[in-house]
């Protein structure tokens, strides 16, 4: 999950300032509130969707890497006994 944090690193202050300005705008400019609030809401929804999509991508990548590691371990475990057994049989036949 650190990768997700790295992807969005540096976005925090800019997004927080934008959201803060959007929330404060209705108090400062009441007429702008009707326009800014839906835009801020859309921005937040978009960020949440992007974070969910990134999380799904990283989960899939993690699963694929885990599968590869398991396959490599199984292959290594399968080769180790055969290679020692076959070298013994070769030396006995020589």
Protein backbone atom coordinates (compact mmCIF):
# COMPACT_ATOMS: atom_id res chain seq x y z
CA UNK A 1 0.00 0.00 0.00
CA UNK A 2 3.01 2.26 0.21
CA UNK A 3 2.94 2.41 -3.57
CA UNK A 4 -0.50 3.99 -3.52
CA UNK A 5 0.81 6.60 -1.10
CA UNK A 6 3.79 7.26 -3.37
CA UNK A 7 1.56 7.74 -6.40
CA UNK A 8 -0.50 10.41 -4.70
CA UNK A 9 2.42 11.92 -2.78
CA UNK A 10 2.45 15.69 -3.10
CA UNK A 11 -1.22 15.93 -4.06
CA UNK A 12 -2.38 16.40 -0.48
CA UNK A 13 -1.64 20.10 0.06
CA UNK A 14 -3.03 21.18 -3.32
CA UNK A 15 -6.21 19.17 -2.95
CA UNK A 16 -6.68 20.31 0.63
CA UNK A 17 -6.26 23.96 -0.36
CA UNK A 18 -8.73 23.52 -3.23
CA UNK A 19 -11.29 21.76 -1.06
CA UNK A 20 -10.78 24.31 1.71
CA UNK A 21 -11.33 27.16 -0.71
CA UNK A 22 -14.43 25.44 -2.08
CA UNK A 23 -15.85 24.98 1.42
CA UNK A 24 -14.98 28.55 2.47
CA UNK A 25 -16.24 30.14 -0.74
CA UNK A 26 -19.95 30.02 0.17
CA UNK A 27 -19.25 31.95 3.35
CA UNK A 28 -17.19 34.54 1.47
CA UNK A 29 -19.25 34.68 -1.70
CA UNK A 30 -22.73 33.25 -1.15
CA UNK A 31 -23.59 33.36 -4.86
CA UNK A 32 -20.48 31.35 -5.73
CA UNK A 33 -21.51 28.62 -3.31
CA UNK A 34 -24.11 27.26 -5.68
CA UNK A 35 -21.42 26.77 -8.34
CA UNK A 36 -18.35 25.89 -6.27
CA UNK A 37 -19.90 23.30 -3.95
CA UNK A 38 -20.95 20.89 -6.75
CA UNK A 39 -17.52 21.31 -8.35
CA UNK A 40 -15.79 20.51 -5.07
CA UNK A 41 -18.05 17.52 -4.61
CA UNK A 42 -17.24 16.30 -8.12
CA UNK A 43 -13.53 16.74 -7.41
CA UNK A 44 -13.79 14.68 -4.23
CA UNK A 45 -15.79 11.95 -5.98
CA UNK A 46 -13.22 11.88 -8.78
CA UNK A 47 -10.33 11.58 -6.34
CA UNK A 48 -12.08 8.76 -4.51
CA UNK A 49 -12.69 6.93 -7.79
CA UNK A 50 -9.04 7.35 -8.81
CA UNK A 51 -7.86 6.06 -5.44
CA UNK A 52 -10.16 3.02 -5.71
CA UNK A 53 -8.98 2.29 -9.25
CA UNK A 54 -5.33 2.57 -8.20
CA UNK A 55 -5.98 0.30 -5.25
CA UNK A 56 -7.52 -2.33 -7.55
CA UNK A 57 -4.58 -2.11 -9.96
CA UNK A 58 -2.06 -2.56 -7.16
CA UNK A 59 -4.05 -5.44 -5.65
CA UNK A 60 -4.04 -7.23 -9.02
CA UNK A 61 -0.31 -6.61 -9.43
CA UNK A 62 0.35 -7.92 -5.92
CA UNK A 63 -1.67 -11.06 -6.68
CA UNK A 64 0.27 -11.68 -9.89
CA UNK A 65 3.61 -11.25 -8.14
CA UNK A 66 2.50 -13.61 -5.37
CA UNK A 67 1.51 -16.18 -8.01
CA UNK A 68 4.91 -15.87 -9.68
CA UNK A 69 6.71 -16.29 -6.36
CA UNK A 70 4.64 -19.36 -5.54
CA UNK A 71 5.37 -20.86 -8.97
CA UNK A 72 9.09 -20.15 -8.61
CA UNK A 73 9.15 -21.74 -5.14
CA UNK A 74 7.29 -24.79 -6.42
CA UNK A 75 9.66 -25.09 -9.36
CA UNK A 76 12.68 -24.72 -7.11
CA UNK A 77 11.33 -27.28 -4.66
CA UNK A 78 10.60 -29.68 -7.51
CA UNK A 79 14.04 -29.36 -9.11
CA UNK A 80 16.14 -29.65 -5.96
CA UNK A 81 15.35 -33.33 -5.15
CA UNK A 82 15.45 -34.40 -8.82
CA UNK A 83 18.76 -32.72 -9.54
CA UNK A 84 20.48 -34.35 -6.53
CA UNK A 85 18.91 -37.73 -7.38
CA UNK A 86 19.84 -37.55 -11.05
CA UNK A 87 23.47 -36.58 -10.32
CA UNK A 88 23.75 -39.55 -7.97
CA UNK A 89 22.37 -41.90 -10.62
CA UNK A 90 24.74 -40.47 -13.22
CA UNK A 91 27.76 -40.95 -11.01
CA UNK A 92 26.72 -44.56 -10.29
CA UNK A 93 26.40 -45.37 -14.02
CA UNK A 94 29.76 -43.84 -14.96
